[in-house]
Amino acid sequence: MQVNILEAKTNLSNLVRLIETGKEERIIIARYGKPVVKMVLYNDVPVSKRIGVAKGKLKSPDDLDQYNDEIAGMFGGTL
């Protein structure tokens, strides 16, 4: 995949995600149509899995959901 510099600046997070997830093996960034940078996965650095990173490390109180109905009512909803 090849993108121009403006597109790379605008969508950098999405481009990095494409590399991380393996949807793209490499992304070429071009200036005036000429390739100048190649983005590839750096295999020596493990990719963090943000979801579930604190699993088992936090404890919520047993009455956490005690006021859910009251709060939902304040916003015009019901549970």
PDB file of N, CA and C in Angstrom:
ATOM      1  N   MET A   1       0.841  -1.167   0.000  1.00  0.00           N
ATOM      2  CA  MET A   1       0.000   0.000   0.000  1.00  0.00           C
ATOM      3  C   MET A   1       0.889   1.234   0.000  1.00  0.00           C
ATOM      4  N   GLN A   2       0.518   2.223  -0.786  1.00  0.00           N
ATOM      5  CA  GLN A   2       1.279   3.469  -0.833  1.00  0.00           C
ATOM      6  C   GLN A   2       0.341   4.632  -0.551  1.00  0.00           C
ATOM      7  N   VAL A   3       0.783   5.561   0.315  1.00  0.00           N
ATOM      8  CA  VAL A   3       0.015   6.755   0.641  1.00  0.00           C
ATOM      9  C   VAL A   3       0.920   7.970   0.528  1.00  0.00           C
ATOM     10  N   ASN A   4       0.312   9.137   0.320  1.00  0.00           N
ATOM     11  CA  ASN A   4       1.126  10.348   0.295  1.00  0.00           C
ATOM     12  C   ASN A   4       1.318  10.859   1.725  1.00  0.00           C
ATOM     13  N   ILE A   5       2.186  11.829   1.911  1.00  0.00           N
ATOM     14  CA  ILE A   5       2.532  12.313   3.248  1.00  0.00           C
ATOM     15  C   ILE A   5       1.317  12.893   3.961  1.00  0.00           C
ATOM     16  N   LEU A   6       0.500  13.654   3.283  1.00  0.00           N
ATOM     17  CA  LEU A   6      -0.676  14.247   3.918  1.00  0.00           C
ATOM     18  C   LEU A   6      -1.615  13.156   4.428  1.00  0.00           C
ATOM     19  N   GLU A   7      -1.856  12.146   3.616  1.00  0.00           N
ATOM     20  CA  GLU A   7      -2.712  11.034   4.027  1.00  0.00           C
ATOM     21  C   GLU A   7      -2.097  10.296   5.220  1.00  0.00           C
ATOM     22  N   ALA A   8      -0.782  10.108   5.213  1.00  0.00           N
ATOM     23  CA  ALA A   8      -0.104   9.442   6.319  1.00  0.00           C
ATOM     24  C   ALA A   8      -0.237  10.242   7.605  1.00  0.00           C
ATOM     25  N   LYS A   9      -0.096  11.568   7.520  1.00  0.00           N
ATOM     26  CA  LYS A   9      -0.235  12.421   8.701  1.00  0.00           C
ATOM     27  C   LYS A   9      -1.654  12.364   9.243  1.00  0.00           C
ATOM     28  N   THR A  10      -2.621  12.396   8.353  1.00  0.00           N
ATOM     29  CA  THR A  10      -4.021  12.404   8.750  1.00  0.00           C
ATOM     30  C   THR A  10      -4.453  11.069   9.347  1.00  0.00           C
ATOM     31  N   ASN A  11      -3.921   9.973   8.831  1.00  0.00           N
ATOM     32  CA  ASN A  11      -4.388   8.640   9.216  1.00  0.00           C
ATOM     33  C   ASN A  11      -3.306   7.780   9.871  1.00  0.00           C
ATOM     34  N   LEU A  12      -2.349   8.402  10.541  1.00  0.00           N
ATOM     35  CA  LEU A  12      -1.217   7.641  11.082  1.00  0.00           C
ATOM     36  C   LEU A  12      -1.665   6.505  11.997  1.00  0.00           C
ATOM     37  N   SER A  13      -2.579   6.769  12.911  1.00  0.00           N
ATOM     38  CA  SER A  13      -3.032   5.719  13.832  1.00  0.00           C
ATOM     39  C   SER A  13      -3.631   4.546  13.081  1.00  0.00           C
ATOM     40  N   ASN A  14      -4.442   4.828  12.076  1.00  0.00           N
ATOM     41  CA  ASN A  14      -5.059   3.758  11.286  1.00  0.00           C
ATOM     42  C   ASN A  14      -4.017   2.979  10.497  1.00  0.00           C
ATOM     43  N   LEU A  15      -3.028   3.661   9.969  1.00  0.00           N
ATOM     44  CA  LEU A  15      -1.975   2.984   9.210  1.00  0.00           C
ATOM     45  C   LEU A  15      -1.160   2.071  10.130  1.00  0.00           C
ATOM     46  N   VAL A  16      -0.851   2.559  11.323  1.00  0.00           N
ATOM     47  CA  VAL A  16      -0.111   1.731  12.285  1.00  0.00           C
ATOM     48  C   VAL A  16      -0.939   0.500  12.644  1.00  0.00           C
ATOM     49  N   ARG A  17      -2.240   0.694  12.842  1.00  0.00           N
ATOM     50  CA  ARG A  17      -3.112  -0.439  13.180  1.00  0.00           C
ATOM     51  C   ARG A  17      -3.123  -1.483  12.062  1.00  0.00           C
ATOM     52  N   LEU A  18      -3.109  -1.036  10.812  1.00  0.00           N
ATOM     53  CA  LEU A  18      -3.080  -1.972   9.684  1.00  0.00           C
ATOM     54  C   LEU A  18      -1.818  -2.836   9.725  1.00  0.00           C
ATOM     55  N   ILE A  19      -0.699  -2.214  10.082  1.00  0.00           N
ATOM     56  CA  ILE A  19       0.562  -2.958  10.185  1.00  0.00           C
ATOM     57  C   ILE A  19       0.505  -3.917  11.374  1.00  0.00           C
ATOM     58  N   GLU A  20       0.055  -3.413  12.542  1.00  0.00           N
ATOM     59  CA  GLU A  20       0.002  -4.234  13.762  1.00  0.00           C
ATOM     60  C   GLU A  20      -0.865  -5.467  13.598  1.00  0.00           C
ATOM     61  N   THR A  21      -2.000  -5.302  12.933  1.00  0.00           N
ATOM     62  CA  THR A  21      -2.939  -6.413  12.795  1.00  0.00           C
ATOM     63  C   THR A  21      -2.594  -7.342  11.635  1.00  0.00           C
ATOM     64  N   GLY A  22      -1.598  -6.965  10.852  1.00  0.00           N
ATOM     65  CA  GLY A  22      -1.192  -7.819   9.739  1.00  0.00           C
ATOM     66  C   GLY A  22      -2.034  -7.642   8.489  1.00  0.00           C
ATOM     67  N   LYS A  23      -2.940  -6.661   8.480  1.00  0.00           N
ATOM     68  CA  LYS A  23      -3.758  -6.422   7.286  1.00  0.00           C
ATOM     69  C   LYS A  23      -2.913  -5.852   6.152  1.00  0.00           C
ATOM     70  N   GLU A  24      -1.827  -5.178   6.522  1.00  0.00           N
ATOM     71  CA  GLU A  24      -0.840  -4.704   5.548  1.00  0.00           C
ATOM     72  C   GLU A  24       0.534  -5.128   6.037  1.00  0.00           C
ATOM     73  N   GLU A  25       1.331  -5.673   5.150  1.00  0.00           N
ATOM     74  CA  GLU A  25       2.691  -6.094   5.507  1.00  0.00           C
ATOM     75  C   GLU A  25       3.636  -4.899   5.563  1.00  0.00           C
ATOM     76  N   ARG A  26       3.400  -3.941   4.665  1.00  0.00           N
ATOM     77  CA  ARG A  26       4.206  -2.726   4.645  1.00  0.00           C
ATOM     78  C   ARG A  26       3.371  -1.598   4.048  1.00  0.00           C
ATOM     79  N   ILE A  27       3.695  -0.381   4.441  1.00  0.00           N
ATOM     80  CA  ILE A  27       3.040   0.801   3.899  1.00  0.00           C
ATOM     81  C   ILE A  27       4.141   1.757   3.451  1.00  0.00           C
ATOM     82  N   ILE A  28       4.063   2.165   2.219  1.00  0.00           N
ATOM     83  CA  ILE A  28       5.035   3.087   1.643  1.00  0.00           C
ATOM     84  C   ILE A  28       4.454   4.497   1.716  1.00  0.00           C
ATOM     85  N   ILE A  29       5.246   5.440   2.250  1.00  0.00           N
ATOM     86  CA  ILE A  29       4.843   6.841   2.285  1.00  0.00           C
ATOM     87  C   ILE A  29       5.631   7.563   1.202  1.00  0.00           C
ATOM     88  N   ALA A  30       4.897   8.270   0.342  1.00  0.00           N
ATOM     89  CA  ALA A  30       5.513   8.913  -0.817  1.00  0.00           C
ATOM     90  C   ALA A  30       5.391  10.428  -0.742  1.00  0.00           C
ATOM     91  N   ARG A  31       6.384  11.096  -1.312  1.00  0.00           N
ATOM     92  CA  ARG A  31       6.362  12.543  -1.480  1.00  0.00           C
ATOM     93  C   ARG A  31       6.384  12.813  -2.978  1.00  0.00           C
ATOM     94  N   TYR A  32       5.357  13.530  -3.429  1.00  0.00           N
ATOM     95  CA  TYR A  32       5.206  13.817  -4.863  1.00  0.00           C
ATOM     96  C   TYR A  32       5.252  12.537  -5.704  1.00  0.00           C
ATOM     97  N   GLY A  33       4.647  11.474  -5.163  1.00  0.00           N
ATOM     98  CA  GLY A  33       4.573  10.206  -5.886  1.00  0.00           C
ATOM     99  C   GLY A  33       5.816   9.352  -5.803  1.00  0.00           C
ATOM    100  N   LYS A  34       6.884   9.852  -5.169  1.00  0.00           N
ATOM    101  CA  LYS A  34       8.134   9.097  -5.055  1.00  0.00           C
ATOM    102  C   LYS A  34       8.232   8.486  -3.651  1.00  0.00           C
ATOM    103  N   PRO A  35       8.384   7.159  -3.541  1.00  0.00           N
ATOM    104  CA  PRO A  35       8.487   6.511  -2.239  1.00  0.00           C
ATOM    105  C   PRO A  35       9.694   7.017  -1.447  1.00  0.00           C
ATOM    106  N   VAL A  36       9.448   7.391  -0.167  1.00  0.00           N
ATOM    107  CA  VAL A  36      10.540   7.878   0.670  1.00  0.00           C
ATOM    108  C   VAL A  36      10.640   7.142   2.009  1.00  0.00           C
ATOM    109  N   VAL A  37       9.553   6.518   2.479  1.00  0.00           N
ATOM    110  CA  VAL A  37       9.553   5.835   3.774  1.00  0.00           C
ATOM    111  C   VAL A  37       8.773   4.539   3.654  1.00  0.00           C
ATOM    112  N   LYS A  38       9.274   3.492   4.312  1.00  0.00           N
ATOM    113  CA  LYS A  38       8.557   2.220   4.356  1.00  0.00           C
ATOM    114  C   LYS A  38       8.232   1.905   5.807  1.00  0.00           C
ATOM    115  N   MET A  39       6.942   1.705   6.109  1.00  0.00           N
ATOM    116  CA  MET A  39       6.512   1.295   7.445  1.00  0.00           C
ATOM    117  C   MET A  39       6.364  -0.217   7.451  1.00  0.00           C
ATOM    118  N   VAL A  40       7.013  -0.862   8.417  1.00  0.00           N
ATOM    119  CA  VAL A  40       6.894  -2.308   8.582  1.00  0.00           C
ATOM    120  C   VAL A  40       6.793  -2.603  10.073  1.00  0.00           C
ATOM    121  N   LEU A  41       6.322  -3.789  10.415  1.00  0.00           N
ATOM    122  CA  LEU A  41       6.228  -4.203  11.801  1.00  0.00           C
ATOM    123  C   LEU A  41       7.619  -4.468  12.341  1.00  0.00           C
ATOM    124  N   TYR A  42       7.916  -3.893  13.475  1.00  0.00           N
ATOM    125  CA  TYR A  42       9.197  -4.109  14.141  1.00  0.00           C
ATOM    126  C   TYR A  42       9.023  -5.313  15.059  1.00  0.00           C
ATOM    127  N   ASN A  43       9.455  -6.475  14.620  1.00  0.00           N
ATOM    128  CA  ASN A  43       9.173  -7.737  15.286  1.00  0.00           C
ATOM    129  C   ASN A  43       9.809  -7.903  16.657  1.00  0.00           C
ATOM    130  N   ASP A  44      10.845  -7.144  16.973  1.00  0.00           N
ATOM    131  CA  ASP A  44      11.503  -7.300  18.264  1.00  0.00           C
ATOM    132  C   ASP A  44      10.725  -6.679  19.411  1.00  0.00           C
ATOM    133  N   VAL A  45       9.716  -5.862  19.106  1.00  0.00           N
ATOM    134  CA  VAL A  45       8.930  -5.211  20.140  1.00  0.00           C
ATOM    135  C   VAL A  45       7.554  -5.854  20.179  1.00  0.00           C
ATOM    136  N   PRO A  46       7.172  -6.442  21.315  1.00  0.00           N
ATOM    137  CA  PRO A  46       5.848  -7.060  21.388  1.00  0.00           C
ATOM    138  C   PRO A  46       4.746  -6.002  21.310  1.00  0.00           C
ATOM    139  N   VAL A  47       3.690  -6.314  20.586  1.00  0.00           N
ATOM    140  CA  VAL A  47       2.561  -5.411  20.450  1.00  0.00           C
ATOM    141  C   VAL A  47       1.660  -5.581  21.662  1.00  0.00           C
ATOM    142  N   SER A  48       1.348  -4.493  22.315  1.00  0.00           N
ATOM    143  CA  SER A  48       0.510  -4.517  23.511  1.00  0.00           C
ATOM    144  C   SER A  48      -0.934  -4.811  23.138  1.00  0.00           C
ATOM    145  N   LYS A  49      -1.566  -5.656  23.906  1.00  0.00           N
ATOM    146  CA  LYS A  49      -2.997  -5.914  23.780  1.00  0.00           C
ATOM    147  C   LYS A  49      -3.665  -5.121  24.886  1.00  0.00           C
ATOM    148  N   ARG A  50      -4.179  -3.945  24.573  1.00  0.00           N
ATOM    149  CA  ARG A  50      -4.712  -3.041  25.594  1.00  0.00           C
ATOM    150  C   ARG A  50      -5.944  -3.607  26.277  1.00  0.00           C
ATOM    151  N   ILE A  51      -6.818  -4.287  25.558  1.00  0.00           N
ATOM    152  CA  ILE A  51      -8.019  -4.822  26.163  1.00  0.00           C
ATOM    153  C   ILE A  51      -7.627  -5.997  27.057  1.00  0.00           C
ATOM    154  N   GLY A  52      -8.028  -5.941  28.288  1.00  0.00           N
ATOM    155  CA  GLY A  52      -7.746  -7.019  29.225  1.00  0.00           C
ATOM    156  C   GLY A  52      -6.410  -6.902  29.925  1.00  0.00           C
ATOM    157  N   VAL A  53      -5.701  -5.806  29.727  1.00  0.00           N
ATOM    158  CA  VAL A  53      -4.372  -5.671  30.307  1.00  0.00           C
ATOM    159  C   VAL A  53      -4.422  -5.656  31.836  1.00  0.00           C
ATOM    160  N   ALA A  54      -5.528  -5.203  32.437  1.00  0.00           N
ATOM    161  CA  ALA A  54      -5.637  -5.142  33.898  1.00  0.00           C
ATOM    162  C   ALA A  54      -6.514  -6.259  34.461  1.00  0.00           C
ATOM    163  N   LYS A  55      -6.832  -7.241  33.651  1.00  0.00           N
ATOM    164  CA  LYS A  55      -7.709  -8.319  34.100  1.00  0.00           C
ATOM    165  C   LYS A  55      -7.137  -8.996  35.340  1.00  0.00           C
ATOM    166  N   GLY A  56      -7.984  -9.088  36.367  1.00  0.00           N
ATOM    167  CA  GLY A  56      -7.580  -9.718  37.612  1.00  0.00           C
ATOM    168  C   GLY A  56      -6.810  -8.818  38.563  1.00  0.00           C
ATOM    169  N   LYS A  57      -6.510  -7.599  38.155  1.00  0.00           N
ATOM    170  CA  LYS A  57      -5.725  -6.695  38.996  1.00  0.00           C
ATOM    171  C   LYS A  57      -6.597  -5.690  39.748  1.00  0.00           C
ATOM    172  N   LEU A  58      -7.846  -5.539  39.331  1.00  0.00           N
ATOM    173  CA  LEU A  58      -8.741  -4.581  39.949  1.00  0.00           C
ATOM    174  C   LEU A  58      -9.946  -5.293  40.545  1.00  0.00           C
ATOM    175  N   LYS A  59     -10.463  -4.751  41.627  1.00  0.00           N
ATOM    176  CA  LYS A  59     -11.659  -5.309  42.233  1.00  0.00           C
ATOM    177  C   LYS A  59     -12.688  -4.201  42.356  1.00  0.00           C
ATOM    178  N   SER A  60     -13.890  -4.451  41.867  1.00  0.00           N
ATOM    179  CA  SER A  60     -14.965  -3.473  41.988  1.00  0.00           C
ATOM    180  C   SER A  60     -15.831  -3.841  43.189  1.00  0.00           C
ATOM    181  N   PRO A  61     -16.423  -2.834  43.818  1.00  0.00           N
ATOM    182  CA  PRO A  61     -17.266  -3.118  44.982  1.00  0.00           C
ATOM    183  C   PRO A  61     -18.497  -3.931  44.590  1.00  0.00           C
ATOM    184  N   ASP A  62     -19.002  -4.719  45.527  1.00  0.00           N
ATOM    185  CA  ASP A  62     -20.163  -5.568  45.249  1.00  0.00           C
ATOM    186  C   ASP A  62     -21.406  -4.750  44.907  1.00  0.00           C
ATOM    187  N   ASP A  63     -21.523  -3.528  45.430  1.00  0.00           N
ATOM    188  CA  ASP A  63     -22.706  -2.708  45.181  1.00  0.00           C
ATOM    189  C   ASP A  63     -22.490  -1.695  44.046  1.00  0.00           C
ATOM    190  N   LEU A  64     -21.590  -1.976  43.155  1.00  0.00           N
ATOM    191  CA  LEU A  64     -21.260  -1.058  42.063  1.00  0.00           C
ATOM    192  C   LEU A  64     -22.489  -0.670  41.245  1.00  0.00           C
ATOM    193  N   ASP A  65     -23.380  -1.613  41.007  1.00  0.00           N
ATOM    194  CA  ASP A  65     -24.547  -1.369  40.160  1.00  0.00           C
ATOM    195  C   ASP A  65     -25.771  -0.891  40.936  1.00  0.00           C
ATOM    196  N   GLN A  66     -25.599  -0.557  42.182  1.00  0.00           N
ATOM    197  CA  GLN A  66     -26.700  -0.210  43.072  1.00  0.00           C
ATOM    198  C   GLN A  66     -27.568   0.923  42.524  1.00  0.00           C
ATOM    199  N   TYR A  67     -26.997   1.934  41.909  1.00  0.00           N
ATOM    200  CA  TYR A  67     -27.741   3.117  41.469  1.00  0.00           C
ATOM    201  C   TYR A  67     -27.961   3.175  39.958  1.00  0.00           C
ATOM    202  N   ASN A  68     -27.768   2.077  39.260  1.00  0.00           N
ATOM    203  CA  ASN A  68     -27.908   2.080  37.797  1.00  0.00           C
ATOM    204  C   ASN A  68     -29.273   2.581  37.337  1.00  0.00           C
ATOM    205  N   ASP A  69     -30.368   2.082  37.951  1.00  0.00           N
ATOM    206  CA  ASP A  69     -31.713   2.488  37.529  1.00  0.00           C
ATOM    207  C   ASP A  69     -31.943   3.977  37.768  1.00  0.00           C
ATOM    208  N   GLU A  70     -31.483   4.472  38.906  1.00  0.00           N
ATOM    209  CA  GLU A  70     -31.655   5.894  39.228  1.00  0.00           C
ATOM    210  C   GLU A  70     -30.879   6.765  38.243  1.00  0.00           C
ATOM    211  N   ILE A  71     -29.673   6.388  37.924  1.00  0.00           N
ATOM    212  CA  ILE A  71     -28.849   7.160  36.986  1.00  0.00           C
ATOM    213  C   ILE A  71     -29.445   7.102  35.585  1.00  0.00           C
ATOM    214  N   ALA A  72     -29.906   5.915  35.162  1.00  0.00           N
ATOM    215  CA  ALA A  72     -30.541   5.788  33.844  1.00  0.00           C
ATOM    216  C   ALA A  72     -31.776   6.675  33.768  1.00  0.00           C
ATOM    217  N   GLY A  73     -32.546   6.753  34.859  1.00  0.00           N
ATOM    218  CA  GLY A  73     -33.729   7.600  34.890  1.00  0.00           C
ATOM    219  C   GLY A  73     -33.380   9.070  34.723  1.00  0.00           C
ATOM    220  N   MET A  74     -32.248   9.485  35.246  1.00  0.00           N
ATOM    221  CA  MET A  74     -31.817  10.887  35.117  1.00  0.00           C
ATOM    222  C   MET A  74     -31.566  11.256  33.650  1.00  0.00           C
ATOM    223  N   PHE A  75     -31.231  10.258  32.846  1.00  0.00           N
ATOM    224  CA  PHE A  75     -30.940  10.498  31.434  1.00  0.00           C
ATOM    225  C   PHE A  75     -32.091  10.066  30.535  1.00  0.00           C
ATOM    226  N   GLY A  76     -33.235   9.803  31.156  1.00  0.00           N
ATOM    227  CA  GLY A  76     -34.432   9.469  30.369  1.00  0.00           C
ATOM    228  C   GLY A  76     -34.473   8.037  29.896  1.00  0.00           C
ATOM    229  N   GLY A  77     -33.677   7.173  30.450  1.00  0.00           N
ATOM    230  CA  GLY A  77     -33.665   5.772  30.027  1.00  0.00           C
ATOM    231  C   GLY A  77     -34.027   4.847  31.163  1.00  0.00           C
ATOM    232  N   THR A  78     -34.139   3.580  30.837  1.00  0.00           N
ATOM    233  CA  THR A  78     -34.392   2.547  31.837  1.00  0.00           C
ATOM    234  C   THR A  78     -33.476   1.377  31.589  1.00  0.00           C
ATOM    235  N   LEU A  79     -33.221   0.626  32.622  1.00  0.00           N
ATOM    236  CA  LEU A  79     -32.404  -0.580  32.471  1.00  0.00           C
ATOM    237  C   LEU A  79     -33.234  -1.806  32.608  1.00  0.00           C
TER     238      LEU A  79
END
